[in-house]
Amino acid sequence: MPWGVCPEHGGTLKSRARATEGFDSWCTNPVCFNVWLYDRLDAACTESATHTIQADNGDRYVVCDGHALTARAQITDGQVLPGLPA
């Protein structure tokens, strides 16, 4: 995926430029204390793929836990399946 997520809570990231240099990104879930010292929101996801999104048109996408969590809440046509395609 071309954007990052919190590996535990999905699409809950915020980021900002720091006054000195670089970025900070953090999860906005109130029980999460994940913080990254780079722009994780606008960076490609580097988490391991654990799920397959099966679209109604037959397309398949492999995604990490965080992207799967977000997909379950946002997609209307398709399924989020545990595991990778055979």
PDB file of N, CA and C in Angstrom:
ATOM      1  N   MET A   1       0.841  -1.177   0.000  1.00  0.00           N
ATOM      2  CA  MET A   1       0.000   0.000   0.000  1.00  0.00           C
ATOM      3  C   MET A   1       0.891   1.247   0.000  1.00  0.00           C
ATOM      4  N   PRO A   2       0.440   2.270  -0.693  1.00  0.00           N
ATOM      5  CA  PRO A   2       1.277   3.476  -0.806  1.00  0.00           C
ATOM      6  C   PRO A   2       1.156   4.438   0.375  1.00  0.00           C
ATOM      7  N   TRP A   3       0.495   4.036   1.439  1.00  0.00           N
ATOM      8  CA  TRP A   3       0.415   4.884   2.626  1.00  0.00           C
ATOM      9  C   TRP A   3       0.520   3.996   3.861  1.00  0.00           C
ATOM     10  N   GLY A   4       0.936   4.606   4.955  1.00  0.00           N
ATOM     11  CA  GLY A   4       1.140   3.850   6.177  1.00  0.00           C
ATOM     12  C   GLY A   4      -0.075   3.858   7.082  1.00  0.00           C
ATOM     13  N   VAL A   5      -0.103   2.923   8.018  1.00  0.00           N
ATOM     14  CA  VAL A   5      -1.155   2.824   9.029  1.00  0.00           C
ATOM     15  C   VAL A   5      -0.502   2.439  10.350  1.00  0.00           C
ATOM     16  N   CYS A   6      -1.250   2.576  11.422  1.00  0.00           N
ATOM     17  CA  CYS A   6      -0.801   2.002  12.689  1.00  0.00           C
ATOM     18  C   CYS A   6      -0.953   0.495  12.559  1.00  0.00           C
ATOM     19  N   PRO A   7       0.079  -0.280  12.856  1.00  0.00           N
ATOM     20  CA  PRO A   7      -0.024  -1.725  12.695  1.00  0.00           C
ATOM     21  C   PRO A   7      -1.062  -2.362  13.619  1.00  0.00           C
ATOM     22  N   GLU A   8      -1.443  -1.666  14.678  1.00  0.00           N
ATOM     23  CA  GLU A   8      -2.426  -2.208  15.626  1.00  0.00           C
ATOM     24  C   GLU A   8      -3.832  -1.649  15.434  1.00  0.00           C
ATOM     25  N   HIS A   9      -3.957  -0.420  14.896  1.00  0.00           N
ATOM     26  CA  HIS A   9      -5.268   0.235  14.855  1.00  0.00           C
ATOM     27  C   HIS A   9      -5.700   0.698  13.470  1.00  0.00           C
ATOM     28  N   GLY A  10      -4.877   0.490  12.484  1.00  0.00           N
ATOM     29  CA  GLY A  10      -5.264   0.821  11.110  1.00  0.00           C
ATOM     30  C   GLY A  10      -5.111   2.284  10.768  1.00  0.00           C
ATOM     31  N   GLY A  11      -6.104   2.827  10.096  1.00  0.00           N
ATOM     32  CA  GLY A  11      -6.039   4.195   9.562  1.00  0.00           C
ATOM     33  C   GLY A  11      -6.291   5.254  10.607  1.00  0.00           C
ATOM     34  N   THR A  12      -5.444   5.306  11.593  1.00  0.00           N
ATOM     35  CA  THR A  12      -5.614   6.242  12.721  1.00  0.00           C
ATOM     36  C   THR A  12      -4.431   7.190  12.859  1.00  0.00           C
ATOM     37  N   LEU A  13      -3.631   7.336  11.809  1.00  0.00           N
ATOM     38  CA  LEU A  13      -2.406   8.135  11.922  1.00  0.00           C
ATOM     39  C   LEU A  13      -2.632   9.619  11.673  1.00  0.00           C
ATOM     40  N   LYS A  14      -1.828  10.402  12.331  1.00  0.00           N
ATOM     41  CA  LYS A  14      -1.669  11.835  12.073  1.00  0.00           C
ATOM     42  C   LYS A  14      -0.173  12.069  11.940  1.00  0.00           C
ATOM     43  N   SER A  15       0.198  13.102  11.198  1.00  0.00           N
ATOM     44  CA  SER A  15       1.610  13.456  11.128  1.00  0.00           C
ATOM     45  C   SER A  15       1.745  14.955  10.999  1.00  0.00           C
ATOM     46  N   ARG A  16       2.927  15.434  11.326  1.00  0.00           N
ATOM     47  CA  ARG A  16       3.217  16.874  11.235  1.00  0.00           C
ATOM     48  C   ARG A  16       4.707  17.063  11.022  1.00  0.00           C
ATOM     49  N   ALA A  17       5.053  18.151  10.396  1.00  0.00           N
ATOM     50  CA  ALA A  17       6.466  18.505  10.252  1.00  0.00           C
ATOM     51  C   ALA A  17       6.958  19.058  11.584  1.00  0.00           C
ATOM     52  N   ARG A  18       8.152  18.632  11.978  1.00  0.00           N
ATOM     53  CA  ARG A  18       8.754  19.160  13.206  1.00  0.00           C
ATOM     54  C   ARG A  18       9.393  20.512  12.918  1.00  0.00           C
ATOM     55  N   ALA A  19       9.536  21.311  13.938  1.00  0.00           N
ATOM     56  CA  ALA A  19      10.130  22.638  13.786  1.00  0.00           C
ATOM     57  C   ALA A  19      11.580  22.555  13.333  1.00  0.00           C
ATOM     58  N   THR A  20      12.299  21.540  13.784  1.00  0.00           N
ATOM     59  CA  THR A  20      13.711  21.426  13.410  1.00  0.00           C
ATOM     60  C   THR A  20      13.839  20.750  12.052  1.00  0.00           C
ATOM     61  N   GLU A  21      13.722  19.442  12.010  1.00  0.00           N
ATOM     62  CA  GLU A  21      13.777  18.745  10.736  1.00  0.00           C
ATOM     63  C   GLU A  21      12.967  17.473  10.826  1.00  0.00           C
ATOM     64  N   GLY A  22      12.472  17.008   9.727  1.00  0.00           N
ATOM     65  CA  GLY A  22      11.749  15.748   9.696  1.00  0.00           C
ATOM     66  C   GLY A  22      10.298  15.859  10.116  1.00  0.00           C
ATOM     67  N   PHE A  23       9.743  14.726  10.451  1.00  0.00           N
ATOM     68  CA  PHE A  23       8.332  14.610  10.792  1.00  0.00           C
ATOM     69  C   PHE A  23       8.151  13.788  12.042  1.00  0.00           C
ATOM     70  N   ASP A  24       6.993  13.897  12.629  1.00  0.00           N
ATOM     71  CA  ASP A  24       6.510  12.981  13.656  1.00  0.00           C
ATOM     72  C   ASP A  24       5.193  12.418  13.149  1.00  0.00           C
ATOM     73  N   SER A  25       4.945  11.161  13.399  1.00  0.00           N
ATOM     74  CA  SER A  25       3.657  10.538  13.123  1.00  0.00           C
ATOM     75  C   SER A  25       3.229   9.801  14.374  1.00  0.00           C
ATOM     76  N   TRP A  26       1.931   9.738  14.622  1.00  0.00           N
ATOM     77  CA  TRP A  26       1.437   9.057  15.803  1.00  0.00           C
ATOM     78  C   TRP A  26       0.047   8.497  15.543  1.00  0.00           C
ATOM     79  N   CYS A  27      -0.294   7.487  16.342  1.00  0.00           N
ATOM     80  CA  CYS A  27      -1.618   6.881  16.283  1.00  0.00           C
ATOM     81  C   CYS A  27      -2.551   7.710  17.159  1.00  0.00           C
ATOM     82  N   THR A  28      -3.754   7.975  16.658  1.00  0.00           N
ATOM     83  CA  THR A  28      -4.710   8.787  17.418  1.00  0.00           C
ATOM     84  C   THR A  28      -5.631   7.951  18.304  1.00  0.00           C
ATOM     85  N   ASN A  29      -5.475   6.628  18.300  1.00  0.00           N
ATOM     86  CA  ASN A  29      -6.258   5.794  19.196  1.00  0.00           C
ATOM     87  C   ASN A  29      -5.831   6.117  20.626  1.00  0.00           C
ATOM     88  N   PRO A  30      -6.775   6.414  21.521  1.00  0.00           N
ATOM     89  CA  PRO A  30      -6.392   6.880  22.866  1.00  0.00           C
ATOM     90  C   PRO A  30      -5.646   5.855  23.720  1.00  0.00           C
ATOM     91  N   VAL A  31      -5.694   4.583  23.367  1.00  0.00           N
ATOM     92  CA  VAL A  31      -4.958   3.582  24.148  1.00  0.00           C
ATOM     93  C   VAL A  31      -3.623   3.214  23.509  1.00  0.00           C
ATOM     94  N   CYS A  32      -3.309   3.852  22.393  1.00  0.00           N
ATOM     95  CA  CYS A  32      -2.083   3.535  21.662  1.00  0.00           C
ATOM     96  C   CYS A  32      -1.035   4.612  21.906  1.00  0.00           C
ATOM     97  N   PHE A  33       0.179   4.170  22.101  1.00  0.00           N
ATOM     98  CA  PHE A  33       1.268   5.122  22.322  1.00  0.00           C
ATOM     99  C   PHE A  33       2.317   5.040  21.214  1.00  0.00           C
ATOM    100  N   ASN A  34       1.937   4.488  20.049  1.00  0.00           N
ATOM    101  CA  ASN A  34       2.876   4.390  18.933  1.00  0.00           C
ATOM    102  C   ASN A  34       3.183   5.765  18.364  1.00  0.00           C
ATOM    103  N   VAL A  35       4.471   6.048  18.221  1.00  0.00           N
ATOM    104  CA  VAL A  35       4.969   7.288  17.629  1.00  0.00           C
ATOM    105  C   VAL A  35       6.118   6.923  16.706  1.00  0.00           C
ATOM    106  N   TRP A  36       6.186   7.568  15.541  1.00  0.00           N
ATOM    107  CA  TRP A  36       7.274   7.342  14.600  1.00  0.00           C
ATOM    108  C   TRP A  36       7.909   8.686  14.287  1.00  0.00           C
ATOM    109  N   LEU A  37       9.223   8.714  14.164  1.00  0.00           N
ATOM    110  CA  LEU A  37       9.939   9.969  13.930  1.00  0.00           C
ATOM    111  C   LEU A  37      10.120  10.245  12.444  1.00  0.00           C
ATOM    112  N   TYR A  38       9.184   9.784  11.641  1.00  0.00           N
ATOM    113  CA  TYR A  38       9.171  10.063  10.209  1.00  0.00           C
ATOM    114  C   TYR A  38       7.720  10.167   9.760  1.00  0.00           C
ATOM    115  N   ASP A  39       7.502  10.579   8.546  1.00  0.00           N
ATOM    116  CA  ASP A  39       6.152  10.747   8.018  1.00  0.00           C
ATOM    117  C   ASP A  39       5.595   9.387   7.601  1.00  0.00           C
ATOM    118  N   ARG A  40       5.170   8.592   8.564  1.00  0.00           N
ATOM    119  CA  ARG A  40       4.652   7.251   8.289  1.00  0.00           C
ATOM    120  C   ARG A  40       3.350   7.311   7.501  1.00  0.00           C
ATOM    121  N   LEU A  41       2.560   8.335   7.697  1.00  0.00           N
ATOM    122  CA  LEU A  41       1.276   8.462   7.011  1.00  0.00           C
ATOM    123  C   LEU A  41       1.448   8.501   5.500  1.00  0.00           C
ATOM    124  N   ASP A  42       2.440   9.218   5.031  1.00  0.00           N
ATOM    125  CA  ASP A  42       2.652   9.374   3.584  1.00  0.00           C
ATOM    126  C   ASP A  42       3.740   8.461   3.037  1.00  0.00           C
ATOM    127  N   ALA A  43       4.190   7.506   3.836  1.00  0.00           N
ATOM    128  CA  ALA A  43       5.206   6.552   3.391  1.00  0.00           C
ATOM    129  C   ALA A  43       4.531   5.236   3.012  1.00  0.00           C
ATOM    130  N   ALA A  44       5.130   4.526   2.095  1.00  0.00           N
ATOM    131  CA  ALA A  44       4.604   3.211   1.725  1.00  0.00           C
ATOM    132  C   ALA A  44       4.644   2.290   2.937  1.00  0.00           C
ATOM    133  N   CYS A  45       3.647   1.434   3.051  1.00  0.00           N
ATOM    134  CA  CYS A  45       3.566   0.501   4.172  1.00  0.00           C
ATOM    135  C   CYS A  45       4.698  -0.518   4.085  1.00  0.00           C
ATOM    136  N   THR A  46       5.347  -0.750   5.219  1.00  0.00           N
ATOM    137  CA  THR A  46       6.445  -1.717   5.274  1.00  0.00           C
ATOM    138  C   THR A  46       6.105  -2.932   6.145  1.00  0.00           C
ATOM    139  N   GLU A  47       4.869  -2.993   6.635  1.00  0.00           N
ATOM    140  CA  GLU A  47       4.452  -4.123   7.469  1.00  0.00           C
ATOM    141  C   GLU A  47       4.272  -5.369   6.607  1.00  0.00           C
ATOM    142  N   SER A  48       4.421  -6.541   7.201  1.00  0.00           N
ATOM    143  CA  SER A  48       4.266  -7.804   6.474  1.00  0.00           C
ATOM    144  C   SER A  48       2.800  -8.040   6.112  1.00  0.00           C
ATOM    145  N   ALA A  49       2.582  -8.559   4.920  1.00  0.00           N
ATOM    146  CA  ALA A  49       1.230  -8.880   4.463  1.00  0.00           C
ATOM    147  C   ALA A  49       0.702 -10.092   5.234  1.00  0.00           C
ATOM    148  N   THR A  50      -0.544  -9.988   5.701  1.00  0.00           N
ATOM    149  CA  THR A  50      -1.168 -11.054   6.482  1.00  0.00           C
ATOM    150  C   THR A  50      -2.579 -11.385   6.011  1.00  0.00           C
ATOM    151  N   HIS A  51      -3.162 -10.530   5.167  1.00  0.00           N
ATOM    152  CA  HIS A  51      -4.544 -10.684   4.718  1.00  0.00           C
ATOM    153  C   HIS A  51      -4.646 -10.465   3.208  1.00  0.00           C
ATOM    154  N   THR A  52      -5.734 -10.968   2.647  1.00  0.00           N
ATOM    155  CA  THR A  52      -6.045 -10.760   1.239  1.00  0.00           C
ATOM    156  C   THR A  52      -7.380 -10.040   1.139  1.00  0.00           C
ATOM    157  N   ILE A  53      -7.392  -8.960   0.383  1.00  0.00           N
ATOM    158  CA  ILE A  53      -8.655  -8.290   0.076  1.00  0.00           C
ATOM    159  C   ILE A  53      -9.108  -8.815  -1.276  1.00  0.00           C
ATOM    160  N   GLN A  54     -10.287  -9.400  -1.302  1.00  0.00           N
ATOM    161  CA  GLN A  54     -10.863  -9.957  -2.533  1.00  0.00           C
ATOM    162  C   GLN A  54     -11.979  -9.016  -2.975  1.00  0.00           C
ATOM    163  N   ALA A  55     -11.752  -8.297  -4.062  1.00  0.00           N
ATOM    164  CA  ALA A  55     -12.758  -7.381  -4.595  1.00  0.00           C
ATOM    165  C   ALA A  55     -13.812  -8.162  -5.375  1.00  0.00           C
ATOM    166  N   ASP A  56     -15.003  -7.600  -5.495  1.00  0.00           N
ATOM    167  CA  ASP A  56     -16.077  -8.262  -6.234  1.00  0.00           C
ATOM    168  C   ASP A  56     -15.730  -8.500  -7.696  1.00  0.00           C
ATOM    169  N   ASN A  57     -14.852  -7.661  -8.265  1.00  0.00           N
ATOM    170  CA  ASN A  57     -14.477  -7.824  -9.677  1.00  0.00           C
ATOM    171  C   ASN A  57     -13.385  -8.872  -9.869  1.00  0.00           C
ATOM    172  N   GLY A  58     -12.943  -9.522  -8.777  1.00  0.00           N
ATOM    173  CA  GLY A  58     -11.930 -10.569  -8.862  1.00  0.00           C
ATOM    174  C   GLY A  58     -10.525 -10.126  -8.528  1.00  0.00           C
ATOM    175  N   ASP A  59     -10.294  -8.824  -8.451  1.00  0.00           N
ATOM    176  CA  ASP A  59      -8.965  -8.340  -8.071  1.00  0.00           C
ATOM    177  C   ASP A  59      -8.651  -8.746  -6.636  1.00  0.00           C
ATOM    178  N   ARG A  60      -7.365  -9.008  -6.380  1.00  0.00           N
ATOM    179  CA  ARG A  60      -6.899  -9.359  -5.033  1.00  0.00           C
ATOM    180  C   ARG A  60      -5.753  -8.446  -4.645  1.00  0.00           C
ATOM    181  N   TYR A  61      -5.726  -8.082  -3.384  1.00  0.00           N
ATOM    182  CA  TYR A  61      -4.661  -7.252  -2.837  1.00  0.00           C
ATOM    183  C   TYR A  61      -4.207  -7.882  -1.533  1.00  0.00           C
ATOM    184  N   VAL A  62      -2.914  -7.992  -1.327  1.00  0.00           N
ATOM    185  CA  VAL A  62      -2.410  -8.479  -0.044  1.00  0.00           C
ATOM    186  C   VAL A  62      -2.036  -7.271   0.807  1.00  0.00           C
ATOM    187  N   VAL A  63      -2.436  -7.313   2.071  1.00  0.00           N
ATOM    188  CA  VAL A  63      -2.250  -6.171   2.962  1.00  0.00           C
ATOM    189  C   VAL A  63      -1.842  -6.644   4.354  1.00  0.00           C
ATOM    190  N   CYS A  64      -1.358  -5.717   5.162  1.00  0.00           N
ATOM    191  CA  CYS A  64      -0.965  -5.995   6.545  1.00  0.00           C
ATOM    192  C   CYS A  64      -2.199  -5.966   7.464  1.00  0.00           C
ATOM    193  N   ASP A  65      -1.985  -6.265   8.733  1.00  0.00           N
ATOM    194  CA  ASP A  65      -3.068  -6.245   9.716  1.00  0.00           C
ATOM    195  C   ASP A  65      -3.763  -4.885   9.785  1.00  0.00           C
ATOM    196  N   GLY A  66      -2.971  -3.810   9.836  1.00  0.00           N
ATOM    197  CA  GLY A  66      -3.541  -2.464   9.948  1.00  0.00           C
ATOM    198  C   GLY A  66      -4.383  -2.081   8.746  1.00  0.00           C
ATOM    199  N   HIS A  67      -3.913  -2.400   7.541  1.00  0.00           N
ATOM    200  CA  HIS A  67      -4.703  -2.104   6.346  1.00  0.00           C
ATOM    201  C   HIS A  67      -5.945  -2.993   6.267  1.00  0.00           C
ATOM    202  N   ALA A  68      -5.843  -4.243   6.731  1.00  0.00           N
ATOM    203  CA  ALA A  68      -7.008  -5.138   6.751  1.00  0.00           C
ATOM    204  C   ALA A  68      -8.071  -4.591   7.694  1.00  0.00           C
ATOM    205  N   LEU A  69      -7.660  -4.116   8.850  1.00  0.00           N
ATOM    206  CA  LEU A  69      -8.586  -3.538   9.818  1.00  0.00           C
ATOM    207  C   LEU A  69      -9.327  -2.351   9.212  1.00  0.00           C
ATOM    208  N   THR A  70      -8.596  -1.481   8.540  1.00  0.00           N
ATOM    209  CA  THR A  70      -9.201  -0.315   7.907  1.00  0.00           C
ATOM    210  C   THR A  70     -10.122  -0.734   6.761  1.00  0.00           C
ATOM    211  N   ALA A  71      -9.698  -1.709   5.967  1.00  0.00           N
ATOM    212  CA  ALA A  71     -10.517  -2.178   4.840  1.00  0.00           C
ATOM    213  C   ALA A  71     -11.844  -2.748   5.329  1.00  0.00           C
ATOM    214  N   ARG A  72     -11.827  -3.496   6.421  1.00  0.00           N
ATOM    215  CA  ARG A  72     -13.075  -4.059   6.961  1.00  0.00           C
ATOM    216  C   ARG A  72     -14.085  -2.961   7.275  1.00  0.00           C
ATOM    217  N   ALA A  73     -13.604  -1.831   7.736  1.00  0.00           N
ATOM    218  CA  ALA A  73     -14.488  -0.732   8.106  1.00  0.00           C
ATOM    219  C   ALA A  73     -14.911   0.112   6.909  1.00  0.00           C
ATOM    220  N   GLN A  74     -14.155   0.063   5.806  1.00  0.00           N
ATOM    221  CA  GLN A  74     -14.413   1.001   4.716  1.00  0.00           C
ATOM    222  C   GLN A  74     -14.945   0.394   3.426  1.00  0.00           C
ATOM    223  N   ILE A  75     -14.637  -0.854   3.127  1.00  0.00           N
ATOM    224  CA  ILE A  75     -15.079  -1.385   1.845  1.00  0.00           C
ATOM    225  C   ILE A  75     -16.509  -1.913   1.938  1.00  0.00           C
ATOM    226  N   THR A  76     -17.223  -1.796   0.836  1.00  0.00           N
ATOM    227  CA  THR A  76     -18.590  -2.297   0.779  1.00  0.00           C
ATOM    228  C   THR A  76     -18.722  -3.442  -0.205  1.00  0.00           C
ATOM    229  N   ASP A  77     -17.886  -3.494  -1.217  1.00  0.00           N
ATOM    230  CA  ASP A  77     -17.913  -4.572  -2.208  1.00  0.00           C
ATOM    231  C   ASP A  77     -16.624  -5.351  -2.109  1.00  0.00           C
ATOM    232  N   GLY A  78     -16.681  -6.521  -1.547  1.00  0.00           N
ATOM    233  CA  GLY A  78     -15.490  -7.347  -1.410  1.00  0.00           C
ATOM    234  C   GLY A  78     -15.400  -7.929  -0.025  1.00  0.00           C
ATOM    235  N   GLN A  79     -14.314  -8.683   0.187  1.00  0.00           N
ATOM    236  CA  GLN A  79     -14.095  -9.350   1.456  1.00  0.00           C
ATOM    237  C   GLN A  79     -12.658  -9.170   1.895  1.00  0.00           C
ATOM    238  N   VAL A  80     -12.456  -9.177   3.194  1.00  0.00           N
ATOM    239  CA  VAL A  80     -11.113  -9.196   3.776  1.00  0.00           C
ATOM    240  C   VAL A  80     -10.922 -10.587   4.370  1.00  0.00           C
ATOM    241  N   LEU A  81      -9.971 -11.320   3.825  1.00  0.00           N
ATOM    242  CA  LEU A  81      -9.758 -12.713   4.217  1.00  0.00           C
ATOM    243  C   LEU A  81      -8.408 -12.863   4.902  1.00  0.00           C
ATOM    244  N   PRO A  82      -8.344 -13.624   5.993  1.00  0.00           N
ATOM    245  CA  PRO A  82      -7.046 -13.875   6.626  1.00  0.00           C
ATOM    246  C   PRO A  82      -6.190 -14.738   5.719  1.00  0.00           C
ATOM    247  N   GLY A  83      -4.902 -14.503   5.733  1.00  0.00           N
ATOM    248  CA  GLY A  83      -3.964 -15.292   4.942  1.00  0.00           C
ATOM    249  C   GLY A  83      -3.680 -14.680   3.582  1.00  0.00           C
ATOM    250  N   LEU A  84      -2.743 -15.318   2.903  1.00  0.00           N
ATOM    251  CA  LEU A  84      -2.307 -14.855   1.590  1.00  0.00           C
ATOM    252  C   LEU A  84      -2.853 -15.800   0.525  1.00  0.00           C
ATOM    253  N   PRO A  85      -3.026 -15.313  -0.708  1.00  0.00           N
ATOM    254  CA  PRO A  85      -3.546 -16.191  -1.754  1.00  0.00           C
ATOM    255  C   PRO A  85      -2.585 -17.342  -2.039  1.00  0.00           C
ATOM    256  N   ALA A  86      -3.136 -18.457  -2.439  1.00  0.00           N
ATOM    257  CA  ALA A  86      -2.314 -19.635  -2.744  1.00  0.00           C
ATOM    258  C   ALA A  86      -1.570 -19.464  -4.054  1.00  0.00           C
TER     259      ALA A  86
END
